Amino acid sequence: MKEGLHPRQVAILRILKRGVEGLSLRDIAQEIGVRSPATVSHHIRQLEKKGYLRRNPLYPSDYTLLRDPVKDVVYVNLYGWASCGKEGFLSDSNILDRVPLSTRLFGVTDRSFLVQARGDSMKPAIQEGDLVLVDQQPRVETNAMALVICEEEPRIKKVIFVEDRIILVSLNLAYPPEIYEKGEDLVIVGKVQSVIKFGL
């Protein structure tokens, strides 16, 4: 038995190593002799936490078995600045790389993804080349920093809601605010969680 693993976790690893596609949590629960798929989900999270699995942040059921345990690390998709709307932006064809990040250090969740900052509109908080960790969600609170798709173009801005308007604010005062009516061609993709400074 692998050191520090519950017998059910060992059994789950054996099942996943077989590489059977389309295996549900319910299927695994039946095979290891437990009633609830939630039990399997718990043990899978523990296996990921202990470094035996790597989970795709955007596809939680997509796991890669790791040969050697890696503590507290998940691989996060890094997306390019494709001008193709929300769906195109988060498509597999727009993934540039997968970047290993500490879940505890950077607050990575199963909805997290990365973009590399471009331009100087969000200086001094975000510099050109910084990696920006975004939590995918369709709504953010006012004054939050967010990744939005605006007129088919992805941008990182501070978002302010005033009645029926959405104001996109740059931190660099050289850029004036942009005002949009709700329902116009503007989609919130996610909230900025962390900024990883270029070169770190």
C-alpha atoms as a PDB file:
ATOM      1  CA  MET A   1       0.000   0.000   0.000  1.00  0.00           C
ATOM      2  CA  LYS A   2       1.236   3.498  -0.844  1.00  0.00           C
ATOM      3  CA  GLU A   3       2.288   5.350   2.299  1.00  0.00           C
ATOM      4  CA  GLY A   4      -0.351   7.682   3.736  1.00  0.00           C
ATOM      5  CA  LEU A   5      -3.181   6.523   1.464  1.00  0.00           C
ATOM      6  CA  HIS A   6      -6.546   5.188   2.578  1.00  0.00           C
ATOM      7  CA  PRO A   7      -7.300   1.695   1.165  1.00  0.00           C
ATOM      8  CA  ARG A   8     -10.120   3.199  -0.921  1.00  0.00           C
ATOM      9  CA  GLN A   9      -7.690   5.718  -2.405  1.00  0.00           C
ATOM     10  CA  VAL A  10      -5.364   2.890  -3.391  1.00  0.00           C
ATOM     11  CA  ALA A  11      -8.308   1.100  -5.013  1.00  0.00           C
ATOM     12  CA  ILE A  12      -9.322   4.254  -6.903  1.00  0.00           C
ATOM     13  CA  LEU A  13      -5.770   4.689  -8.209  1.00  0.00           C
ATOM     14  CA  ARG A  14      -5.806   1.096  -9.489  1.00  0.00           C
ATOM     15  CA  ILE A  15      -9.084   1.751 -11.317  1.00  0.00           C
ATOM     16  CA  LEU A  16      -7.871   5.023 -12.854  1.00  0.00           C
ATOM     17  CA  LYS A  17      -4.621   3.381 -13.992  1.00  0.00           C
ATOM     18  CA  ARG A  18      -6.666   1.105 -16.238  1.00  0.00           C
ATOM     19  CA  GLY A  19      -7.500   4.197 -18.303  1.00  0.00           C
ATOM     20  CA  VAL A  20     -11.121   3.280 -18.994  1.00  0.00           C
ATOM     21  CA  GLU A  21     -12.855   6.238 -20.689  1.00  0.00           C
ATOM     22  CA  GLY A  22     -16.234   7.527 -19.519  1.00  0.00           C
ATOM     23  CA  LEU A  23     -15.927   6.042 -16.034  1.00  0.00           C
ATOM     24  CA  SER A  24     -18.324   7.905 -13.719  1.00  0.00           C
ATOM     25  CA  LEU A  25     -18.008   8.465  -9.969  1.00  0.00           C
ATOM     26  CA  ARG A  26     -20.961   6.098  -9.561  1.00  0.00           C
ATOM     27  CA  ASP A  27     -19.113   3.395 -11.542  1.00  0.00           C
ATOM     28  CA  ILE A  28     -16.055   3.780  -9.335  1.00  0.00           C
ATOM     29  CA  ALA A  29     -18.220   3.753  -6.175  1.00  0.00           C
ATOM     30  CA  GLN A  30     -19.754   0.420  -7.207  1.00  0.00           C
ATOM     31  CA  GLU A  31     -16.363  -1.056  -7.984  1.00  0.00           C
ATOM     32  CA  ILE A  32     -14.795  -0.126  -4.643  1.00  0.00           C
ATOM     33  CA  GLY A  33     -17.920  -1.106  -2.699  1.00  0.00           C
ATOM     34  CA  VAL A  34     -19.280   2.222  -1.453  1.00  0.00           C
ATOM     35  CA  ARG A  35     -22.799   3.594  -1.903  1.00  0.00           C
ATOM     36  CA  SER A  36     -22.194   7.279  -2.500  1.00  0.00           C
ATOM     37  CA  PRO A  37     -20.350   8.887  -5.441  1.00  0.00           C
ATOM     38  CA  ALA A  38     -19.628  11.743  -3.007  1.00  0.00           C
ATOM     39  CA  THR A  39     -17.309   9.368  -1.123  1.00  0.00           C
ATOM     40  CA  VAL A  40     -15.373   8.742  -4.327  1.00  0.00           C
ATOM     41  CA  SER A  41     -15.257  12.479  -5.050  1.00  0.00           C
ATOM     42  CA  HIS A  42     -13.813  13.092  -1.571  1.00  0.00           C
ATOM     43  CA  HIS A  43     -11.081  10.483  -2.030  1.00  0.00           C
ATOM     44  CA  ILE A  44     -10.220  11.841  -5.497  1.00  0.00           C
ATOM     45  CA  ARG A  45      -9.778  15.326  -4.010  1.00  0.00           C
ATOM     46  CA  GLN A  46      -7.505  13.812  -1.360  1.00  0.00           C
ATOM     47  CA  LEU A  47      -5.466  12.027  -4.046  1.00  0.00           C
ATOM     48  CA  GLU A  48      -5.074  15.320  -5.898  1.00  0.00           C
ATOM     49  CA  LYS A  49      -4.100  17.110  -2.681  1.00  0.00           C
ATOM     50  CA  LYS A  50      -1.507  14.414  -1.956  1.00  0.00           C
ATOM     51  CA  GLY A  51      -0.116  14.814  -5.474  1.00  0.00           C
ATOM     52  CA  TYR A  52      -1.128  11.501  -7.060  1.00  0.00           C
ATOM     53  CA  LEU A  53      -3.475  13.112  -9.587  1.00  0.00           C
ATOM     54  CA  ARG A  54      -3.386  16.216 -11.743  1.00  0.00           C
ATOM     55  CA  ARG A  55      -6.819  17.647 -12.584  1.00  0.00           C
ATOM     56  CA  ASN A  56      -7.666  19.777 -15.607  1.00  0.00           C
ATOM     57  CA  PRO A  57      -9.131  22.978 -14.035  1.00  0.00           C
ATOM     58  CA  LEU A  58     -11.777  23.421 -16.746  1.00  0.00           C
ATOM     59  CA  TYR A  59     -12.690  19.736 -17.027  1.00  0.00           C
ATOM     60  CA  PRO A  60     -12.859  18.404 -13.445  1.00  0.00           C
ATOM     61  CA  SER A  61     -13.443  14.825 -14.597  1.00  0.00           C
ATOM     62  CA  ASP A  62     -10.208  14.886 -16.645  1.00  0.00           C
ATOM     63  CA  TYR A  63      -7.397  13.439 -14.517  1.00  0.00           C
ATOM     64  CA  THR A  64      -3.782  12.588 -15.228  1.00  0.00           C
ATOM     65  CA  LEU A  65      -2.030  10.089 -12.974  1.00  0.00           C
ATOM     66  CA  LEU A  66       1.364  11.306 -11.775  1.00  0.00           C
ATOM     67  CA  ARG A  67       4.278   8.915 -11.560  1.00  0.00           C
ATOM     68  CA  ASP A  68       5.660  10.616  -8.443  1.00  0.00           C
ATOM     69  CA  PRO A  69       3.459  12.514  -5.976  1.00  0.00           C
ATOM     70  CA  VAL A  70       3.666  16.290  -6.264  1.00  0.00           C
ATOM     71  CA  LYS A  71       2.466  18.175  -3.222  1.00  0.00           C
ATOM     72  CA  ASP A  72      -0.062  20.980  -3.529  1.00  0.00           C
ATOM     73  CA  VAL A  73       0.360  21.550  -7.281  1.00  0.00           C
ATOM     74  CA  VAL A  74      -2.183  21.643 -10.102  1.00  0.00           C
ATOM     75  CA  TYR A  75      -1.699  22.476 -13.759  1.00  0.00           C
ATOM     76  CA  VAL A  76      -3.676  25.520 -14.910  1.00  0.00           C
ATOM     77  CA  ASN A  77      -4.531  26.338 -18.527  1.00  0.00           C
ATOM     78  CA  LEU A  78      -2.859  29.442 -19.954  1.00  0.00           C
ATOM     79  CA  TYR A  79      -5.014  31.026 -22.672  1.00  0.00           C
ATOM     80  CA  GLY A  80      -4.000  33.317 -25.495  1.00  0.00           C
ATOM     81  CA  TRP A  81      -5.650  36.641 -26.308  1.00  0.00           C
ATOM     82  CA  ALA A  82      -7.866  35.263 -29.061  1.00  0.00           C
ATOM     83  CA  SER A  83     -10.509  37.667 -30.369  1.00  0.00           C
ATOM     84  CA  CYS A  84     -13.248  35.086 -30.628  1.00  0.00           C
ATOM     85  CA  GLY A  85     -15.862  35.648 -27.922  1.00  0.00           C
ATOM     86  CA  LYS A  86     -16.199  33.869 -24.569  1.00  0.00           C
ATOM     87  CA  GLU A  87     -16.631  30.347 -25.948  1.00  0.00           C
ATOM     88  CA  GLY A  88     -13.709  30.699 -28.329  1.00  0.00           C
ATOM     89  CA  PHE A  89     -11.543  32.283 -25.656  1.00  0.00           C
ATOM     90  CA  LEU A  90     -11.941  29.281 -23.346  1.00  0.00           C
ATOM     91  CA  SER A  91     -11.715  26.696 -26.127  1.00  0.00           C
ATOM     92  CA  ASP A  92      -9.041  23.996 -26.226  1.00  0.00           C
ATOM     93  CA  SER A  93      -7.618  25.560 -29.388  1.00  0.00           C
ATOM     94  CA  ASN A  94      -6.791  28.739 -27.431  1.00  0.00           C
ATOM     95  CA  ILE A  95      -4.709  26.951 -24.740  1.00  0.00           C
ATOM     96  CA  LEU A  96      -1.071  28.030 -25.053  1.00  0.00           C
ATOM     97  CA  ASP A  97       0.362  26.038 -22.155  1.00  0.00           C
ATOM     98  CA  ARG A  98      -0.417  24.373 -18.832  1.00  0.00           C
ATOM     99  CA  VAL A  99       1.328  26.033 -15.902  1.00  0.00           C
ATOM    100  CA  PRO A 100       1.978  24.294 -12.535  1.00  0.00           C
ATOM    101  CA  LEU A 101       0.738  26.388  -9.594  1.00  0.00           C
ATOM    102  CA  SER A 102       0.423  25.859  -5.859  1.00  0.00           C
ATOM    103  CA  THR A 103      -3.226  25.655  -4.846  1.00  0.00           C
ATOM    104  CA  ARG A 104      -2.483  27.132  -1.432  1.00  0.00           C
ATOM    105  CA  LEU A 105      -0.092  29.882  -2.509  1.00  0.00           C
ATOM    106  CA  PHE A 106      -2.196  31.203  -5.386  1.00  0.00           C
ATOM    107  CA  GLY A 107      -5.722  30.182  -4.381  1.00  0.00           C
ATOM    108  CA  VAL A 108      -6.244  27.963  -7.413  1.00  0.00           C
ATOM    109  CA  THR A 109      -9.713  26.423  -7.768  1.00  0.00           C
ATOM    110  CA  ASP A 110     -11.209  24.035 -10.302  1.00  0.00           C
ATOM    111  CA  ARG A 111     -12.451  27.116 -12.209  1.00  0.00           C
ATOM    112  CA  SER A 112      -9.034  28.819 -12.422  1.00  0.00           C
ATOM    113  CA  PHE A 113      -7.188  29.704 -15.601  1.00  0.00           C
ATOM    114  CA  LEU A 114      -4.340  32.027 -16.606  1.00  0.00           C
ATOM    115  CA  VAL A 115      -3.783  34.801 -19.133  1.00  0.00           C
ATOM    116  CA  GLN A 116      -0.573  36.716 -19.749  1.00  0.00           C
ATOM    117  CA  ALA A 117      -1.114  40.463 -19.414  1.00  0.00           C
ATOM    118  CA  ARG A 118      -0.518  42.697 -22.396  1.00  0.00           C
ATOM    119  CA  GLY A 119      -0.387  46.461 -22.588  1.00  0.00           C
ATOM    120  CA  ASP A 120      -0.089  48.982 -19.752  1.00  0.00           C
ATOM    121  CA  SER A 121      -3.723  49.913 -19.033  1.00  0.00           C
ATOM    122  CA  MET A 122      -3.727  48.162 -15.631  1.00  0.00           C
ATOM    123  CA  LYS A 123      -0.406  49.488 -14.340  1.00  0.00           C
ATOM    124  CA  PRO A 124       0.833  49.549 -11.640  1.00  0.00           C
ATOM    125  CA  ALA A 125      -1.071  46.462 -10.402  1.00  0.00           C
ATOM    126  CA  ILE A 126      -0.578  44.460 -13.585  1.00  0.00           C
ATOM    127  CA  GLN A 127       2.429  44.863 -15.882  1.00  0.00           C
ATOM    128  CA  GLU A 128       2.907  43.610 -19.419  1.00  0.00           C
ATOM    129  CA  GLY A 129       3.888  39.923 -19.277  1.00  0.00           C
ATOM    130  CA  ASP A 130       2.493  39.226 -15.789  1.00  0.00           C
ATOM    131  CA  LEU A 131       0.487  36.021 -15.432  1.00  0.00           C
ATOM    132  CA  VAL A 132      -3.038  36.809 -14.263  1.00  0.00           C
ATOM    133  CA  LEU A 133      -4.985  34.082 -12.452  1.00  0.00           C
ATOM    134  CA  VAL A 134      -8.717  34.296 -13.193  1.00  0.00           C
ATOM    135  CA  ASP A 135     -11.593  32.454 -11.508  1.00  0.00           C
ATOM    136  CA  GLN A 136     -14.172  31.669 -14.189  1.00  0.00           C
ATOM    137  CA  GLN A 137     -17.568  33.093 -13.174  1.00  0.00           C
ATOM    138  CA  PRO A 138     -20.315  35.003 -15.011  1.00  0.00           C
ATOM    139  CA  ARG A 139     -20.816  37.663 -12.310  1.00  0.00           C
ATOM    140  CA  VAL A 140     -18.502  39.759 -10.151  1.00  0.00           C
ATOM    141  CA  GLU A 141     -19.133  42.412  -7.519  1.00  0.00           C
ATOM    142  CA  THR A 142     -18.760  46.083  -8.397  1.00  0.00           C
ATOM    143  CA  ASN A 143     -15.172  47.414  -8.214  1.00  0.00           C
ATOM    144  CA  ALA A 144     -13.777  43.918  -8.844  1.00  0.00           C
ATOM    145  CA  MET A 145     -11.007  43.402 -11.372  1.00  0.00           C
ATOM    146  CA  ALA A 146     -12.266  41.068 -14.091  1.00  0.00           C
ATOM    147  CA  LEU A 147     -11.538  39.545 -17.447  1.00  0.00           C
ATOM    148  CA  VAL A 148     -14.263  40.593 -19.871  1.00  0.00           C
ATOM    149  CA  ILE A 149     -14.963  40.005 -23.532  1.00  0.00           C
ATOM    150  CA  CYS A 150     -15.890  43.378 -24.962  1.00  0.00           C
ATOM    151  CA  GLU A 151     -16.852  43.672 -28.633  1.00  0.00           C
ATOM    152  CA  GLU A 152     -15.223  40.249 -29.193  1.00  0.00           C
ATOM    153  CA  GLU A 153     -11.975  41.487 -27.577  1.00  0.00           C
ATOM    154  CA  PRO A 154     -10.705  40.117 -24.211  1.00  0.00           C
ATOM    155  CA  ARG A 155      -9.639  42.776 -21.688  1.00  0.00           C
ATOM    156  CA  ILE A 156      -8.713  42.995 -18.012  1.00  0.00           C
ATOM    157  CA  LYS A 157     -10.472  45.921 -16.334  1.00  0.00           C
ATOM    158  CA  LYS A 158     -11.952  47.111 -13.068  1.00  0.00           C
ATOM    159  CA  VAL A 159     -15.729  46.670 -13.417  1.00  0.00           C
ATOM    160  CA  ILE A 160     -18.194  49.149 -11.900  1.00  0.00           C
ATOM    161  CA  PHE A 161     -21.972  48.707 -12.073  1.00  0.00           C
ATOM    162  CA  VAL A 162     -24.091  51.867 -12.063  1.00  0.00           C
ATOM    163  CA  GLU A 163     -27.825  51.318 -12.632  1.00  0.00           C
ATOM    164  CA  ASP A 164     -28.107  49.878 -16.167  1.00  0.00           C
ATOM    165  CA  ARG A 165     -24.528  50.620 -17.099  1.00  0.00           C
ATOM    166  CA  ILE A 166     -21.227  48.809 -16.801  1.00  0.00           C
ATOM    167  CA  ILE A 167     -18.120  50.978 -16.574  1.00  0.00           C
ATOM    168  CA  LEU A 168     -14.752  49.484 -17.479  1.00  0.00           C
ATOM    169  CA  VAL A 169     -11.988  51.322 -15.647  1.00  0.00           C
ATOM    170  CA  SER A 170      -8.246  51.142 -16.295  1.00  0.00           C
ATOM    171  CA  LEU A 171      -5.880  51.655 -13.362  1.00  0.00           C
ATOM    172  CA  ASN A 172      -3.562  53.637 -15.635  1.00  0.00           C
ATOM    173  CA  LEU A 173      -5.137  57.119 -15.683  1.00  0.00           C
ATOM    174  CA  ALA A 174      -3.949  57.662 -19.247  1.00  0.00           C
ATOM    175  CA  TYR A 175      -6.891  55.477 -20.353  1.00  0.00           C
ATOM    176  CA  PRO A 176     -10.409  56.920 -19.964  1.00  0.00           C
ATOM    177  CA  PRO A 177     -13.285  54.803 -18.588  1.00  0.00           C
ATOM    178  CA  GLU A 178     -15.471  52.965 -21.102  1.00  0.00           C
ATOM    179  CA  ILE A 179     -19.230  52.937 -20.507  1.00  0.00           C
ATOM    180  CA  TYR A 180     -21.552  50.190 -21.779  1.00  0.00           C
ATOM    181  CA  GLU A 181     -25.245  49.586 -21.398  1.00  0.00           C
ATOM    182  CA  LYS A 182     -26.128  46.235 -19.790  1.00  0.00           C
ATOM    183  CA  GLY A 183     -26.923  43.745 -22.492  1.00  0.00           C
ATOM    184  CA  GLU A 184     -24.479  45.309 -24.938  1.00  0.00           C
ATOM    185  CA  ASP A 185     -21.651  43.296 -26.416  1.00  0.00           C
ATOM    186  CA  LEU A 186     -19.873  42.697 -23.088  1.00  0.00           C
ATOM    187  CA  VAL A 187     -19.483  39.378 -21.268  1.00  0.00           C
ATOM    188  CA  ILE A 188     -17.811  38.801 -17.897  1.00  0.00           C
ATOM    189  CA  VAL A 189     -15.572  35.740 -18.128  1.00  0.00           C
ATOM    190  CA  GLY A 190     -14.149  35.733 -14.616  1.00  0.00           C
ATOM    191  CA  LYS A 191     -12.731  37.557 -11.619  1.00  0.00           C
ATOM    192  CA  VAL A 192      -9.009  38.264 -11.250  1.00  0.00           C
ATOM    193  CA  GLN A 193      -7.729  36.321  -8.227  1.00  0.00           C
ATOM    194  CA  SER A 194      -3.956  36.786  -8.283  1.00  0.00           C
ATOM    195  CA  VAL A 195      -1.177  38.369 -10.304  1.00  0.00           C
ATOM    196  CA  ILE A 196       2.044  36.416 -10.761  1.00  0.00           C
ATOM    197  CA  LYS A 197       4.756  38.901 -11.572  1.00  0.00           C
ATOM    198  CA  PHE A 198       6.704  38.246 -14.768  1.00  0.00           C
ATOM    199  CA  GLY A 199       9.981  36.466 -14.166  1.00  0.00           C
ATOM    200  CA  LEU A 200       8.985  34.920 -10.820  1.00  0.00           C
END
